[in-house]
């Protein structure tokens, strides 16, 4: 199943590479038929990418105080 394959795919470790992958994955999601396995897999991958981008951006912020 595409969903499980996507969940096991490792993601890039740089913000720029993640943003590029996010753009490509959005394109794939938009081209896939709504509700198809490809559409659902792209949505899942977008979520994983966004979590990684947020993790990297949090690490870039200086500590408060």
PDB file of N, CA and C in Angstrom:
ATOM      1  N   UNK A   1       0.829  -1.181   0.000  1.00  0.00           N
ATOM      2  CA  UNK A   1       0.000   0.000   0.000  1.00  0.00           C
ATOM      3  C   UNK A   1       0.877   1.249   0.000  1.00  0.00           C
ATOM      4  N   UNK A   2       0.514   2.238  -0.737  1.00  0.00           N
ATOM      5  CA  UNK A   2       1.311   3.462  -0.845  1.00  0.00           C
ATOM      6  C   UNK A   2       1.447   4.165   0.498  1.00  0.00           C
ATOM      7  N   UNK A   3       0.402   4.139   1.312  1.00  0.00           N
ATOM      8  CA  UNK A   3       0.429   4.815   2.605  1.00  0.00           C
ATOM      9  C   UNK A   3       1.548   4.273   3.488  1.00  0.00           C
ATOM     10  N   UNK A   4       1.692   2.966   3.542  1.00  0.00           N
ATOM     11  CA  UNK A   4       2.725   2.370   4.381  1.00  0.00           C
ATOM     12  C   UNK A   4       4.113   2.605   3.807  1.00  0.00           C
ATOM     13  N   UNK A   5       4.243   2.583   2.499  1.00  0.00           N
ATOM     14  CA  UNK A   5       5.539   2.859   1.884  1.00  0.00           C
ATOM     15  C   UNK A   5       5.979   4.280   2.182  1.00  0.00           C
ATOM     16  N   UNK A   6       5.063   5.227   2.108  1.00  0.00           N
ATOM     17  CA  UNK A   6       5.372   6.618   2.388  1.00  0.00           C
ATOM     18  C   UNK A   6       5.811   6.792   3.829  1.00  0.00           C
ATOM     19  N   UNK A   7       5.153   6.104   4.752  1.00  0.00           N
ATOM     20  CA  UNK A   7       5.464   6.247   6.170  1.00  0.00           C
ATOM     21  C   UNK A   7       6.886   5.788   6.474  1.00  0.00           C
ATOM     22  N   UNK A   8       7.440   4.913   5.647  1.00  0.00           N
ATOM     23  CA  UNK A   8       8.769   4.387   5.908  1.00  0.00           C
ATOM     24  C   UNK A   8       9.858   5.128   5.136  1.00  0.00           C
ATOM     25  N   UNK A   9       9.470   6.053   4.273  1.00  0.00           N
ATOM     26  CA  UNK A   9      10.437   6.807   3.493  1.00  0.00           C
ATOM     27  C   UNK A   9      11.118   7.837   4.384  1.00  0.00           C
ATOM     28  N   UNK A  10      12.457   7.870   4.351  1.00  0.00           N
ATOM     29  CA  UNK A  10      13.151   8.870   5.162  1.00  0.00           C
ATOM     30  C   UNK A  10      13.066  10.223   4.467  1.00  0.00           C
ATOM     31  N   UNK A  11      13.054  11.259   5.270  1.00  0.00           N
ATOM     32  CA  UNK A  11      12.917  12.619   4.759  1.00  0.00           C
ATOM     33  C   UNK A  11      14.267  13.310   4.729  1.00  0.00           C
ATOM     34  N   UNK A  12      14.408  14.302   3.851  1.00  0.00           N
ATOM     35  CA  UNK A  12      15.636  15.099   3.849  1.00  0.00           C
ATOM     36  C   UNK A  12      15.819  15.768   5.212  1.00  0.00           C
ATOM     37  N   UNK A  13      17.041  16.159   5.502  1.00  0.00           N
ATOM     38  CA  UNK A  13      17.330  16.738   6.809  1.00  0.00           C
ATOM     39  C   UNK A  13      17.561  18.241   6.796  1.00  0.00           C
ATOM     40  N   UNK A  14      17.484  18.873   5.621  1.00  0.00           N
ATOM     41  CA  UNK A  14      17.641  20.322   5.576  1.00  0.00           C
ATOM     42  C   UNK A  14      16.300  20.979   5.251  1.00  0.00           C
ATOM     43  N   UNK A  15      16.135  22.184   5.755  1.00  0.00           N
ATOM     44  CA  UNK A  15      14.891  22.914   5.535  1.00  0.00           C
ATOM     45  C   UNK A  15      14.648  23.151   4.049  1.00  0.00           C
ATOM     46  N   UNK A  16      15.686  23.558   3.322  1.00  0.00           N
ATOM     47  CA  UNK A  16      15.528  23.818   1.888  1.00  0.00           C
ATOM     48  C   UNK A  16      15.098  22.569   1.128  1.00  0.00           C
ATOM     49  N   UNK A  17      15.706  21.431   1.443  1.00  0.00           N
ATOM     50  CA  UNK A  17      15.324  20.178   0.779  1.00  0.00           C
ATOM     51  C   UNK A  17      13.905  19.770   1.148  1.00  0.00           C
ATOM     52  N   UNK A  18      13.525  19.987   2.398  1.00  0.00           N
ATOM     53  CA  UNK A  18      12.158  19.673   2.824  1.00  0.00           C
ATOM     54  C   UNK A  18      11.145  20.563   2.108  1.00  0.00           C
ATOM     55  N   UNK A  19      11.471  21.840   1.956  1.00  0.00           N
ATOM     56  CA  UNK A  19      10.557  22.750   1.249  1.00  0.00           C
ATOM     57  C   UNK A  19      10.396  22.346  -0.213  1.00  0.00           C
ATOM     58  N   UNK A  20      11.486  21.918  -0.842  1.00  0.00           N
ATOM     59  CA  UNK A  20      11.407  21.454  -2.238  1.00  0.00           C
ATOM     60  C   UNK A  20      10.544  20.199  -2.328  1.00  0.00           C
ATOM     61  N   UNK A  21      10.740  19.272  -1.399  1.00  0.00           N
ATOM     62  CA  UNK A  21       9.928  18.048  -1.383  1.00  0.00           C
ATOM     63  C   UNK A  21       8.464  18.394  -1.114  1.00  0.00           C
ATOM     64  N   UNK A  22       8.214  19.370  -0.265  1.00  0.00           N
ATOM     65  CA  UNK A  22       6.839  19.794   0.041  1.00  0.00           C
ATOM     66  C   UNK A  22       6.159  20.320  -1.222  1.00  0.00           C
ATOM     67  N   UNK A  23       6.876  21.158  -1.992  1.00  0.00           N
ATOM     68  CA  UNK A  23       6.311  21.687  -3.256  1.00  0.00           C
ATOM     69  C   UNK A  23       5.965  20.551  -4.214  1.00  0.00           C
ATOM     70  N   UNK A  24       6.892  19.609  -4.376  1.00  0.00           N
ATOM     71  CA  UNK A  24       6.666  18.486  -5.291  1.00  0.00           C
ATOM     72  C   UNK A  24       5.516  17.609  -4.812  1.00  0.00           C
ATOM     73  N   UNK A  25       5.436  17.372  -3.530  1.00  0.00           N
ATOM     74  CA  UNK A  25       4.373  16.526  -2.983  1.00  0.00           C
ATOM     75  C   UNK A  25       3.023  17.212  -3.123  1.00  0.00           C
ATOM     76  N   UNK A  26       2.959  18.535  -2.938  1.00  0.00           N
ATOM     77  CA  UNK A  26       1.707  19.266  -3.175  1.00  0.00           C
ATOM     78  C   UNK A  26       1.268  19.118  -4.622  1.00  0.00           C
ATOM     79  N   UNK A  27       2.232  19.208  -5.544  1.00  0.00           N
ATOM     80  CA  UNK A  27       1.911  19.052  -6.968  1.00  0.00           C
ATOM     81  C   UNK A  27       1.325  17.667  -7.219  1.00  0.00           C
ATOM     82  N   UNK A  28       1.955  16.641  -6.648  1.00  0.00           N
ATOM     83  CA  UNK A  28       1.466  15.273  -6.824  1.00  0.00           C
ATOM     84  C   UNK A  28       0.074  15.098  -6.221  1.00  0.00           C
ATOM     85  N   UNK A  29      -0.138  15.679  -5.043  1.00  0.00           N
ATOM     86  CA  UNK A  29      -1.457  15.595  -4.399  1.00  0.00           C
ATOM     87  C   UNK A  29      -2.515  16.246  -5.275  1.00  0.00           C
ATOM     88  N   UNK A  30      -2.176  17.415  -5.825  1.00  0.00           N
ATOM     89  CA  UNK A  30      -3.151  18.142  -6.633  1.00  0.00           C
ATOM     90  C   UNK A  30      -3.478  17.429  -7.938  1.00  0.00           C
ATOM     91  N   UNK A  31      -2.562  16.637  -8.456  1.00  0.00           N
ATOM     92  CA  UNK A  31      -2.794  15.905  -9.700  1.00  0.00           C
ATOM     93  C   UNK A  31      -3.500  14.572  -9.483  1.00  0.00           C
ATOM     94  N   UNK A  32      -3.444  14.047  -8.270  1.00  0.00           N
ATOM     95  CA  UNK A  32      -4.044  12.742  -7.993  1.00  0.00           C
ATOM     96  C   UNK A  32      -5.561  12.883  -7.856  1.00  0.00           C
ATOM     97  N   UNK A  33      -6.300  11.869  -8.282  1.00  0.00           N
ATOM     98  CA  UNK A  33      -7.755  11.904  -8.084  1.00  0.00           C
ATOM     99  C   UNK A  33      -8.082  11.980  -6.586  1.00  0.00           C
ATOM    100  N   UNK A  34      -9.031  12.823  -6.249  1.00  0.00           N
ATOM    101  CA  UNK A  34      -9.413  13.013  -4.850  1.00  0.00           C
ATOM    102  C   UNK A  34      -9.820  11.680  -4.218  1.00  0.00           C
ATOM    103  N   UNK A  35      -9.213  11.369  -3.075  1.00  0.00           N
ATOM    104  CA  UNK A  35      -9.550  10.148  -2.348  1.00  0.00           C
ATOM    105  C   UNK A  35      -8.779   8.914  -2.795  1.00  0.00           C
ATOM    106  N   UNK A  36      -7.986   9.029  -3.858  1.00  0.00           N
ATOM    107  CA  UNK A  36      -7.213   7.879  -4.336  1.00  0.00           C
ATOM    108  C   UNK A  36      -6.071   7.579  -3.363  1.00  0.00           C
ATOM    109  N   UNK A  37      -5.455   6.416  -3.514  1.00  0.00           N
ATOM    110  CA  UNK A  37      -4.315   6.058  -2.670  1.00  0.00           C
ATOM    111  C   UNK A  37      -3.192   7.076  -2.806  1.00  0.00           C
ATOM    112  N   UNK A  38      -2.947   7.537  -4.027  1.00  0.00           N
ATOM    113  CA  UNK A  38      -1.889   8.528  -4.257  1.00  0.00           C
ATOM    114  C   UNK A  38      -2.213   9.843  -3.553  1.00  0.00           C
ATOM    115  N   UNK A  39      -3.468  10.237  -3.566  1.00  0.00           N
ATOM    116  CA  UNK A  39      -3.903  11.470  -2.914  1.00  0.00           C
ATOM    117  C   UNK A  39      -3.717  11.362  -1.404  1.00  0.00           C
ATOM    118  N   UNK A  40      -4.170  10.257  -0.838  1.00  0.00           N
ATOM    119  CA  UNK A  40      -4.053  10.036   0.607  1.00  0.00           C
ATOM    120  C   UNK A  40      -2.583   9.947   1.023  1.00  0.00           C
ATOM    121  N   UNK A  41      -1.768   9.254   0.238  1.00  0.00           N
ATOM    122  CA  UNK A  41      -0.336   9.126   0.550  1.00  0.00           C
ATOM    123  C   UNK A  41       0.349  10.481   0.514  1.00  0.00           C
ATOM    124  N   UNK A  42      -0.012  11.326  -0.449  1.00  0.00           N
ATOM    125  CA  UNK A  42       0.586  12.653  -0.544  1.00  0.00           C
ATOM    126  C   UNK A  42       0.195  13.506   0.658  1.00  0.00           C
ATOM    127  N   UNK A  43      -1.047  13.416   1.086  1.00  0.00           N
ATOM    128  CA  UNK A  43      -1.491  14.164   2.266  1.00  0.00           C
ATOM    129  C   UNK A  43      -0.711  13.714   3.497  1.00  0.00           C
ATOM    130  N   UNK A  44      -0.523  12.408   3.639  1.00  0.00           N
ATOM    131  CA  UNK A  44       0.239  11.866   4.764  1.00  0.00           C
ATOM    132  C   UNK A  44       1.683  12.380   4.736  1.00  0.00           C
ATOM    133  N   UNK A  45       2.292  12.332   3.570  1.00  0.00           N
ATOM    134  CA  UNK A  45       3.671  12.783   3.435  1.00  0.00           C
ATOM    135  C   UNK A  45       3.785  14.285   3.703  1.00  0.00           C
ATOM    136  N   UNK A  46       2.826  15.072   3.247  1.00  0.00           N
ATOM    137  CA  UNK A  46       2.844  16.504   3.522  1.00  0.00           C
ATOM    138  C   UNK A  46       2.853  16.774   5.023  1.00  0.00           C
ATOM    139  N   UNK A  47       2.063  16.032   5.753  1.00  0.00           N
ATOM    140  CA  UNK A  47       2.042  16.194   7.201  1.00  0.00           C
ATOM    141  C   UNK A  47       3.383  15.879   7.834  1.00  0.00           C
ATOM    142  N   UNK A  48       4.013  14.792   7.393  1.00  0.00           N
ATOM    143  CA  UNK A  48       5.325  14.416   7.920  1.00  0.00           C
ATOM    144  C   UNK A  48       6.373  15.477   7.587  1.00  0.00           C
ATOM    145  N   UNK A  49       6.312  16.005   6.374  1.00  0.00           N
ATOM    146  CA  UNK A  49       7.258  17.037   5.961  1.00  0.00           C
ATOM    147  C   UNK A  49       7.069  18.290   6.830  1.00  0.00           C
ATOM    148  N   UNK A  50       5.827  18.682   7.046  1.00  0.00           N
ATOM    149  CA  UNK A  50       5.550  19.887   7.824  1.00  0.00           C
ATOM    150  C   UNK A  50       6.025  19.747   9.268  1.00  0.00           C
ATOM    151  N   UNK A  51       5.898  18.562   9.833  1.00  0.00           N
ATOM    152  CA  UNK A  51       6.397  18.327  11.191  1.00  0.00           C
ATOM    153  C   UNK A  51       7.918  18.484  11.229  1.00  0.00           C
ATOM    154  N   UNK A  52       8.600  17.965  10.226  1.00  0.00           N
ATOM    155  CA  UNK A  52      10.067  18.083  10.177  1.00  0.00           C
ATOM    156  C   UNK A  52      10.508  19.532   9.984  1.00  0.00           C
ATOM    157  N   UNK A  53       9.795  20.266   9.129  1.00  0.00           N
ATOM    158  CA  UNK A  53      10.125  21.680   8.934  1.00  0.00           C
ATOM    159  C   UNK A  53       9.949  22.426  10.256  1.00  0.00           C
ATOM    160  N   UNK A  54       8.868  22.170  10.962  1.00  0.00           N
ATOM    161  CA  UNK A  54       8.626  22.823  12.250  1.00  0.00           C
ATOM    162  C   UNK A  54       9.713  22.462  13.253  1.00  0.00           C
ATOM    163  N   UNK A  55      10.149  21.206  13.270  1.00  0.00           N
ATOM    164  CA  UNK A  55      11.209  20.772  14.188  1.00  0.00           C
ATOM    165  C   UNK A  55      12.491  21.552  13.912  1.00  0.00           C
ATOM    166  N   UNK A  56      12.845  21.665  12.650  1.00  0.00           N
ATOM    167  CA  UNK A  56      14.058  22.397  12.275  1.00  0.00           C
ATOM    168  C   UNK A  56      13.931  23.875  12.638  1.00  0.00           C
ATOM    169  N   UNK A  57      12.776  24.465  12.369  1.00  0.00           N
ATOM    170  CA  UNK A  57      12.588  25.882  12.658  1.00  0.00           C
ATOM    171  C   UNK A  57      12.588  26.157  14.158  1.00  0.00           C
ATOM    172  N   UNK A  58      12.050  25.255  14.963  1.00  0.00           N
ATOM    173  CA  UNK A  58      12.112  25.427  16.421  1.00  0.00           C
ATOM    174  C   UNK A  58      13.544  25.389  16.901  1.00  0.00           C
ATOM    175  N   UNK A  59      14.350  24.532  16.321  1.00  0.00           N
ATOM    176  CA  UNK A  59      15.747  24.436  16.721  1.00  0.00           C
ATOM    177  C   UNK A  59      16.533  25.687  16.330  1.00  0.00           C
ATOM    178  N   UNK A  60      16.040  26.432  15.351  1.00  0.00           N
ATOM    179  CA  UNK A  60      16.717  27.648  14.896  1.00  0.00           C
ATOM    180  C   UNK A  60      16.440  28.825  15.817  1.00  0.00           C
ATOM    181  N   UNK A  61      15.315  28.775  16.562  1.00  0.00           N
ATOM    182  CA  UNK A  61      14.947  29.888  17.447  1.00  0.00           C
ATOM    183  C   UNK A  61      15.862  29.926  18.654  1.00  0.00           C
ATOM    184  N   UNK A  62      16.311  31.129  19.051  1.00  0.00           N
ATOM    185  CA  UNK A  62      17.125  31.219  20.269  1.00  0.00           C
ATOM    186  C   UNK A  62      16.244  30.953  21.500  1.00  0.00           C
ATOM    187  N   UNK A  63      16.819  30.414  22.550  1.00  0.00           N
ATOM    188  CA  UNK A  63      16.031  30.155  23.763  1.00  0.00           C
ATOM    189  C   UNK A  63      15.508  31.464  24.365  1.00  0.00           C
ATOM    190  N   UNK A  64      14.328  31.374  24.969  1.00  0.00           N
ATOM    191  CA  UNK A  64      13.743  32.554  25.628  1.00  0.00           C
ATOM    192  C   UNK A  64      14.439  32.770  26.962  1.00  0.00           C
ATOM    193  N   UNK A  65      14.561  34.025  27.358  1.00  0.00           N
ATOM    194  CA  UNK A  65      15.057  34.316  28.695  1.00  0.00           C
ATOM    195  C   UNK A  65      16.374  34.905  28.680  1.00  0.00           C
TER     196      UNK A  65
END
